């Protein structure tokens, strides 16, 4: 094979490899899923709908509403069944705040596990927003 043909084949192979890498990175679930939670003094826990996690990235959360009686909610990373994968990281989420939640969901269970965000607030009120299991 001459040098010019080797260069063309090498360039093509490199292009295909780069395309493959970017296709793999697009597979993360970064689609926003809406959530709406209700809290009372007697029932202070709620959670987002569960979604499948496909990368080791942080969870993404944006809170667009919190009742004025509450001011914020406390959130942390969990598996689909409520098992904590937050590594003791808990966040206060206010109206208009974006949070990237630390988690070890993939590391503790493997790829494709369903996850959710658990939230707690000992007050009467509601909160809503959007989230995704992988950071955009």
N, C-alpha and C. Protein backbone atom coordinates (compact mmCIF):
# COMPACT_ATOMS: atom_id res chain seq x y z
N UNK A 1 0.86 -1.18 0.00
CA UNK A 1 0.00 0.00 0.00
C UNK A 1 0.90 1.23 0.00
N UNK A 2 0.59 2.18 -0.90
CA UNK A 2 1.42 3.37 -0.96
C UNK A 2 1.06 4.35 0.17
N UNK A 3 1.84 5.36 0.35
CA UNK A 3 1.69 6.31 1.45
C UNK A 3 0.37 7.07 1.37
N UNK A 4 -0.03 7.47 0.17
CA UNK A 4 -1.28 8.23 0.01
C UNK A 4 -2.48 7.36 0.40
N UNK A 5 -2.54 6.13 -0.04
CA UNK A 5 -3.63 5.22 0.30
C UNK A 5 -3.64 4.95 1.80
N UNK A 6 -2.48 4.77 2.40
CA UNK A 6 -2.38 4.54 3.85
C UNK A 6 -2.94 5.74 4.61
N UNK A 7 -2.63 6.95 4.15
CA UNK A 7 -3.12 8.18 4.79
C UNK A 7 -4.64 8.26 4.70
N UNK A 8 -5.22 7.95 3.53
CA UNK A 8 -6.67 8.01 3.33
C UNK A 8 -7.37 6.98 4.23
N UNK A 9 -6.86 5.75 4.27
CA UNK A 9 -7.46 4.71 5.11
C UNK A 9 -7.34 5.09 6.58
N UNK A 10 -6.20 5.60 6.98
CA UNK A 10 -5.99 6.03 8.37
C UNK A 10 -6.93 7.15 8.76
N UNK A 11 -7.11 8.13 7.88
CA UNK A 11 -8.02 9.24 8.15
C UNK A 11 -9.46 8.75 8.27
N UNK A 12 -9.85 7.86 7.37
CA UNK A 12 -11.20 7.30 7.41
C UNK A 12 -11.42 6.52 8.71
N UNK A 13 -10.45 5.71 9.10
CA UNK A 13 -10.58 4.93 10.34
C UNK A 13 -10.69 5.86 11.55
N UNK A 14 -9.91 6.92 11.58
CA UNK A 14 -9.96 7.88 12.69
C UNK A 14 -11.32 8.57 12.73
N UNK A 15 -11.84 8.95 11.58
CA UNK A 15 -13.16 9.59 11.51
C UNK A 15 -14.24 8.67 12.04
N UNK A 16 -14.20 7.40 11.64
CA UNK A 16 -15.19 6.44 12.12
C UNK A 16 -15.08 6.23 13.63
N UNK A 17 -13.87 6.17 14.15
CA UNK A 17 -13.68 6.01 15.60
C UNK A 17 -14.25 7.20 16.35
N UNK A 18 -13.98 8.41 15.86
CA UNK A 18 -14.49 9.61 16.52
C UNK A 18 -16.02 9.63 16.47
N UNK A 19 -16.60 9.23 15.36
CA UNK A 19 -18.05 9.17 15.25
C UNK A 19 -18.63 8.17 16.24
N UNK A 20 -17.99 7.04 16.38
CA UNK A 20 -18.45 6.02 17.32
C UNK A 20 -18.41 6.52 18.74
N UNK A 21 -17.37 7.25 19.10
CA UNK A 21 -17.26 7.77 20.46
C UNK A 21 -18.36 8.78 20.72
N UNK A 22 -18.63 9.66 19.78
CA UNK A 22 -19.67 10.65 20.02
C UNK A 22 -21.06 10.02 20.03
N UNK A 23 -21.27 8.96 19.26
CA UNK A 23 -22.55 8.26 19.29
C UNK A 23 -22.76 7.63 20.66
N UNK A 24 -21.72 7.05 21.23
CA UNK A 24 -21.83 6.45 22.56
C UNK A 24 -22.16 7.50 23.61
N UNK A 25 -21.55 8.68 23.52
CA UNK A 25 -21.79 9.69 24.54
C UNK A 25 -23.19 10.29 24.45
N UNK A 26 -23.85 10.18 23.30
CA UNK A 26 -25.20 10.70 23.14
C UNK A 26 -26.23 9.80 23.82
N UNK A 27 -25.85 8.56 24.14
CA UNK A 27 -26.80 7.61 24.69
C UNK A 27 -27.25 7.95 26.12
N UNK A 28 -26.59 8.87 26.80
CA UNK A 28 -27.00 9.24 28.15
C UNK A 28 -28.41 9.83 28.13
N UNK A 29 -29.17 9.59 29.20
CA UNK A 29 -30.54 10.10 29.27
C UNK A 29 -30.52 11.52 29.83
N UNK A 30 -30.50 12.50 28.94
CA UNK A 30 -30.49 13.90 29.35
C UNK A 30 -31.81 14.59 29.04
N UNK A 31 -32.84 13.80 28.74
CA UNK A 31 -34.16 14.36 28.47
C UNK A 31 -34.81 14.77 29.78
N UNK A 32 -35.34 15.99 29.83
CA UNK A 32 -35.99 16.48 31.04
C UNK A 32 -37.32 15.76 31.27
N UNK A 33 -37.51 15.28 32.49
CA UNK A 33 -38.76 14.65 32.91
C UNK A 33 -39.37 15.54 33.98
N UNK A 34 -40.63 15.90 33.81
CA UNK A 34 -41.30 16.76 34.80
C UNK A 34 -41.60 16.00 36.09
N UNK A 35 -41.56 16.72 37.20
CA UNK A 35 -41.95 16.17 38.48
C UNK A 35 -42.77 17.20 39.24
N UNK A 36 -43.65 16.71 40.09
CA UNK A 36 -44.48 17.56 40.94
C UNK A 36 -44.67 16.82 42.26
N UNK A 37 -44.25 17.42 43.35
CA UNK A 37 -44.29 16.76 44.65
C UNK A 37 -45.16 17.53 45.63
N UNK A 38 -45.74 16.78 46.56
CA UNK A 38 -46.59 17.36 47.60
C UNK A 38 -46.04 16.93 48.96
N UNK A 39 -46.00 17.87 49.89
CA UNK A 39 -45.46 17.62 51.22
C UNK A 39 -46.46 18.07 52.28
N UNK A 40 -46.51 17.34 53.38
CA UNK A 40 -47.25 17.77 54.56
C UNK A 40 -46.37 17.50 55.77
N UNK A 41 -46.73 18.08 56.88
CA UNK A 41 -45.96 17.86 58.10
C UNK A 41 -45.96 16.37 58.47
N UNK A 42 -47.05 15.69 58.17
CA UNK A 42 -47.16 14.26 58.49
C UNK A 42 -46.62 13.35 57.39
N UNK A 43 -46.48 13.84 56.17
CA UNK A 43 -45.97 13.07 55.03
C UNK A 43 -44.97 13.93 54.29
N UNK A 44 -43.74 13.94 54.80
CA UNK A 44 -42.76 14.92 54.33
C UNK A 44 -41.83 14.44 53.22
N UNK A 45 -42.02 13.22 52.72
CA UNK A 45 -41.15 12.67 51.68
C UNK A 45 -41.90 12.49 50.36
N UNK A 46 -41.22 12.74 49.26
CA UNK A 46 -41.77 12.50 47.93
C UNK A 46 -40.59 12.27 46.99
N UNK A 47 -40.85 11.98 45.72
CA UNK A 47 -39.76 11.70 44.78
C UNK A 47 -40.21 11.96 43.36
N UNK A 48 -39.22 12.05 42.46
CA UNK A 48 -39.48 12.22 41.04
C UNK A 48 -39.89 10.86 40.45
N UNK A 49 -40.43 10.86 39.23
CA UNK A 49 -40.62 9.58 38.54
C UNK A 49 -39.25 8.95 38.28
N UNK A 50 -39.17 7.64 38.24
CA UNK A 50 -37.90 6.95 37.98
C UNK A 50 -37.59 6.96 36.48
N UNK A 51 -36.30 7.06 36.16
CA UNK A 51 -35.81 7.01 34.78
C UNK A 51 -34.53 6.18 34.76
N UNK A 52 -34.20 5.64 33.60
CA UNK A 52 -33.01 4.81 33.46
C UNK A 52 -31.76 5.66 33.36
N UNK A 53 -30.74 5.31 34.12
CA UNK A 53 -29.45 6.02 34.11
C UNK A 53 -28.46 5.25 33.26
N UNK A 54 -27.72 5.96 32.42
CA UNK A 54 -26.81 5.26 31.52
C UNK A 54 -25.38 5.80 31.53
N UNK A 55 -25.06 6.70 32.44
CA UNK A 55 -23.67 7.16 32.55
C UNK A 55 -23.36 7.45 34.01
N UNK A 56 -22.08 7.65 34.28
CA UNK A 56 -21.65 7.93 35.65
C UNK A 56 -21.73 9.41 36.01
N UNK A 57 -22.42 10.18 35.20
CA UNK A 57 -22.54 11.62 35.45
C UNK A 57 -23.46 11.89 36.64
N UNK A 58 -23.52 13.15 37.02
CA UNK A 58 -24.43 13.58 38.08
C UNK A 58 -25.87 13.55 37.57
N UNK A 59 -26.84 13.52 38.48
CA UNK A 59 -28.24 13.74 38.12
C UNK A 59 -28.39 15.25 37.91
N UNK A 60 -29.34 15.64 37.07
CA UNK A 60 -29.64 17.05 36.83
C UNK A 60 -31.02 17.35 37.39
N UNK A 61 -31.16 18.46 38.13
CA UNK A 61 -32.47 18.88 38.62
C UNK A 61 -32.61 20.40 38.47
N UNK A 62 -33.79 20.82 38.03
CA UNK A 62 -34.14 22.25 37.99
C UNK A 62 -35.49 22.39 38.70
N UNK A 63 -35.52 23.20 39.74
CA UNK A 63 -36.75 23.43 40.49
C UNK A 63 -37.37 24.74 40.00
N UNK A 64 -38.58 24.66 39.43
CA UNK A 64 -39.21 25.87 38.91
C UNK A 64 -40.31 26.42 39.82
N UNK A 65 -40.69 25.67 40.88
CA UNK A 65 -41.71 26.17 41.79
C UNK A 65 -41.53 25.53 43.16
N UNK A 66 -41.64 26.33 44.20
CA UNK A 66 -41.70 25.87 45.59
C UNK A 66 -42.69 26.78 46.30
N UNK A 67 -43.64 26.18 47.02
CA UNK A 67 -44.62 26.97 47.77
C UNK A 67 -43.93 27.98 48.67
N UNK A 68 -44.53 29.16 48.78
CA UNK A 68 -43.92 30.21 49.61
C UNK A 68 -43.82 29.79 51.07
N UNK A 69 -44.68 28.87 51.51
CA UNK A 69 -44.63 28.40 52.89
C UNK A 69 -43.38 27.54 53.15
N UNK A 70 -42.73 27.04 52.10
CA UNK A 70 -41.59 26.14 52.28
C UNK A 70 -40.25 26.78 51.95
N UNK A 71 -40.17 27.63 50.96
CA UNK A 71 -38.96 28.30 50.49
C UNK A 71 -37.99 27.39 49.73
N UNK A 72 -37.80 26.13 50.16
CA UNK A 72 -36.89 25.19 49.50
C UNK A 72 -37.30 23.76 49.84
N UNK A 73 -36.69 22.80 49.11
CA UNK A 73 -36.84 21.38 49.45
C UNK A 73 -35.43 20.79 49.57
N UNK A 74 -35.29 19.72 50.29
CA UNK A 74 -34.03 18.99 50.39
C UNK A 74 -34.09 17.81 49.43
N UNK A 75 -33.06 17.65 48.60
CA UNK A 75 -33.06 16.58 47.60
C UNK A 75 -31.77 15.77 47.68
N UNK A 76 -31.86 14.48 47.29
CA UNK A 76 -30.68 13.63 47.18
C UNK A 76 -30.93 12.50 46.17
N UNK A 77 -29.86 11.89 45.69
CA UNK A 77 -29.92 10.84 44.68
C UNK A 77 -30.35 9.51 45.30
N UNK A 78 -31.23 8.79 44.58
CA UNK A 78 -31.70 7.49 45.04
C UNK A 78 -31.90 6.56 43.84
N UNK A 79 -31.98 5.26 44.12
CA UNK A 79 -32.35 4.28 43.11
C UNK A 79 -33.87 4.27 42.97
N UNK A 80 -34.40 3.57 41.99
CA UNK A 80 -35.84 3.51 41.70
C UNK A 80 -36.68 3.11 42.90
N UNK A 81 -36.11 2.35 43.82
CA UNK A 81 -36.86 1.86 44.98
C UNK A 81 -36.58 2.66 46.26
N UNK A 82 -35.88 3.77 46.13
CA UNK A 82 -35.61 4.62 47.28
C UNK A 82 -34.30 4.38 47.98
N UNK A 83 -33.55 3.34 47.58
CA UNK A 83 -32.24 3.12 48.20
C UNK A 83 -31.33 4.30 47.90
N UNK A 84 -30.69 4.81 48.94
CA UNK A 84 -29.85 5.99 48.85
C UNK A 84 -28.56 5.69 48.09
N UNK A 85 -28.24 6.50 47.08
CA UNK A 85 -26.96 6.42 46.38
C UNK A 85 -26.29 7.79 46.35
N UNK A 86 -26.59 8.60 47.37
CA UNK A 86 -26.13 9.99 47.41
C UNK A 86 -24.77 10.16 48.07
N UNK A 87 -24.25 9.12 48.71
CA UNK A 87 -22.99 9.29 49.42
C UNK A 87 -23.06 10.38 50.46
N UNK A 88 -24.21 10.55 51.08
CA UNK A 88 -24.48 11.57 52.11
C UNK A 88 -24.45 13.00 51.58
N UNK A 89 -24.66 13.17 50.26
CA UNK A 89 -24.76 14.50 49.67
C UNK A 89 -26.24 14.88 49.59
N UNK A 90 -26.62 15.92 50.29
CA UNK A 90 -28.00 16.43 50.26
C UNK A 90 -27.94 17.90 49.89
N UNK A 91 -28.91 18.35 49.12
CA UNK A 91 -28.90 19.72 48.58
C UNK A 91 -30.20 20.43 48.91
N UNK A 92 -30.12 21.73 49.17
CA UNK A 92 -31.32 22.56 49.28
C UNK A 92 -31.61 23.08 47.88
N UNK A 93 -32.83 22.87 47.41
CA UNK A 93 -33.21 23.31 46.08
C UNK A 93 -34.28 24.39 46.19
N UNK A 94 -33.97 25.58 45.72
CA UNK A 94 -34.85 26.75 45.76
C UNK A 94 -35.48 26.97 44.39
N UNK A 95 -36.49 27.83 44.32
CA UNK A 95 -37.08 28.20 43.03
C UNK A 95 -35.98 28.75 42.12
N UNK A 96 -35.94 28.23 40.90
CA UNK A 96 -34.97 28.70 39.92
C UNK A 96 -33.58 28.10 40.05
N UNK A 97 -33.38 27.17 40.97
CA UNK A 97 -32.04 26.62 41.14
C UNK A 97 -31.83 25.35 40.31
N UNK A 98 -30.65 25.25 39.76
CA UNK A 98 -30.19 24.06 39.06
C UNK A 98 -29.21 23.34 39.96
N UNK A 99 -29.37 22.03 40.11
CA UNK A 99 -28.49 21.24 40.98
C UNK A 99 -28.00 20.02 40.21
N UNK A 100 -26.72 19.75 40.32
CA UNK A 100 -26.13 18.52 39.79
C UNK A 100 -25.85 17.64 41.00
N UNK A 101 -26.60 16.55 41.14
CA UNK A 101 -26.53 15.71 42.33
C UNK A 101 -25.47 14.62 42.19
N UNK A 102 -24.56 14.59 43.14
CA UNK A 102 -23.56 13.54 43.22
C UNK A 102 -24.27 12.21 43.47
N UNK A 103 -23.79 11.14 42.85
CA UNK A 103 -24.40 9.82 43.06
C UNK A 103 -23.42 8.73 42.70
N UNK A 104 -23.68 7.52 43.21
CA UNK A 104 -22.90 6.34 42.80
C UNK A 104 -23.84 5.22 42.35
N UNK A 105 -24.88 5.58 41.61
CA UNK A 105 -25.88 4.61 41.14
C UNK A 105 -25.26 3.55 40.23
N UNK A 106 -24.56 3.96 39.20
CA UNK A 106 -23.94 3.02 38.25
C UNK A 106 -22.85 2.22 38.95
N UNK A 107 -22.04 2.89 39.76
CA UNK A 107 -20.94 2.22 40.42
C UNK A 107 -21.42 1.13 41.38
N UNK A 108 -22.58 1.33 42.01
CA UNK A 108 -23.05 0.36 42.99
C UNK A 108 -23.96 -0.73 42.39
N UNK A 109 -24.55 -0.47 41.21
CA UNK A 109 -25.49 -1.45 40.66
C UNK A 109 -25.23 -1.83 39.21
N UNK A 110 -24.56 -1.01 38.43
CA UNK A 110 -24.28 -1.31 37.03
C UNK A 110 -25.10 -0.43 36.09
N UNK A 111 -24.77 -0.48 34.81
CA UNK A 111 -25.44 0.32 33.78
C UNK A 111 -26.92 -0.02 33.67
N UNK A 112 -27.72 0.98 33.31
CA UNK A 112 -29.13 0.76 33.00
C UNK A 112 -30.04 0.70 34.21
N UNK A 113 -29.56 1.05 35.37
CA UNK A 113 -30.40 1.03 36.57
C UNK A 113 -31.38 2.21 36.53
N UNK A 114 -32.58 2.02 37.06
CA UNK A 114 -33.55 3.12 37.17
C UNK A 114 -33.27 3.89 38.46
N UNK A 115 -33.35 5.21 38.35
CA UNK A 115 -33.03 6.09 39.47
C UNK A 115 -34.11 7.16 39.61
N UNK A 116 -34.06 7.85 40.73
CA UNK A 116 -34.99 8.96 40.98
C UNK A 116 -34.30 9.93 41.93
N UNK A 117 -34.95 11.08 42.14
CA UNK A 117 -34.49 12.03 43.15
C UNK A 117 -35.50 12.01 44.28
N UNK A 118 -35.02 11.72 45.48
CA UNK A 118 -35.87 11.75 46.66
C UNK A 118 -35.81 13.16 47.26
N UNK A 119 -36.94 13.61 47.79
CA UNK A 119 -36.99 14.93 48.41
C UNK A 119 -37.73 14.89 49.74
N UNK A 120 -37.34 15.80 50.60
CA UNK A 120 -37.91 15.86 51.95
C UNK A 120 -38.16 17.33 52.32
N UNK A 121 -39.30 17.57 52.92
CA UNK A 121 -39.57 18.88 53.50
C UNK A 121 -40.67 18.73 54.53
N UNK A 122 -40.38 19.07 55.77
CA UNK A 122 -41.37 18.95 56.85
C UNK A 122 -42.16 20.26 56.90
N UNK A 123 -43.11 20.36 55.98
CA UNK A 123 -43.95 21.56 55.86
C UNK A 123 -45.13 21.20 54.95
N UNK A 124 -46.13 22.04 54.93
CA UNK A 124 -47.26 21.86 54.02
C UNK A 124 -47.00 22.67 52.76
N UNK A 125 -46.99 22.00 51.60
CA UNK A 125 -46.77 22.72 50.36
C UNK A 125 -46.46 21.80 49.21
N UNK A 126 -46.11 22.42 48.08
CA UNK A 126 -45.79 21.68 46.86
C UNK A 126 -44.53 22.25 46.22
N UNK A 127 -43.95 21.44 45.36
CA UNK A 127 -42.80 21.88 44.57
C UNK A 127 -42.86 21.15 43.23
N UNK A 128 -42.26 21.74 42.19
CA UNK A 128 -42.23 21.10 40.88
C UNK A 128 -40.99 21.53 40.12
N UNK A 129 -40.70 20.77 39.07
CA UNK A 129 -39.54 21.08 38.24
C UNK A 129 -39.33 20.03 37.18
N UNK A 130 -38.10 19.94 36.70
CA UNK A 130 -37.70 18.92 35.73
C UNK A 130 -36.39 18.32 36.19
N UNK A 131 -36.13 17.08 35.75
CA UNK A 131 -34.88 16.43 36.10
C UNK A 131 -34.49 15.44 35.01
N UNK A 132 -33.25 15.02 35.03
CA UNK A 132 -32.80 13.93 34.16
C UNK A 132 -31.73 13.15 34.92
N UNK A 133 -31.64 11.85 34.64
CA UNK A 133 -30.68 11.03 35.36
C UNK A 133 -29.23 11.28 34.98
N UNK A 134 -28.99 11.94 33.86
CA UNK A 134 -27.62 12.23 33.41
C UNK A 134 -27.51 13.72 33.08
N UNK A 135 -26.40 14.33 33.48
CA UNK A 135 -26.18 15.75 33.22
C UNK A 135 -26.02 15.98 31.73
N UNK A 136 -26.58 17.08 31.26
CA UNK A 136 -26.53 17.44 29.83
C UNK A 136 -25.13 17.81 29.42
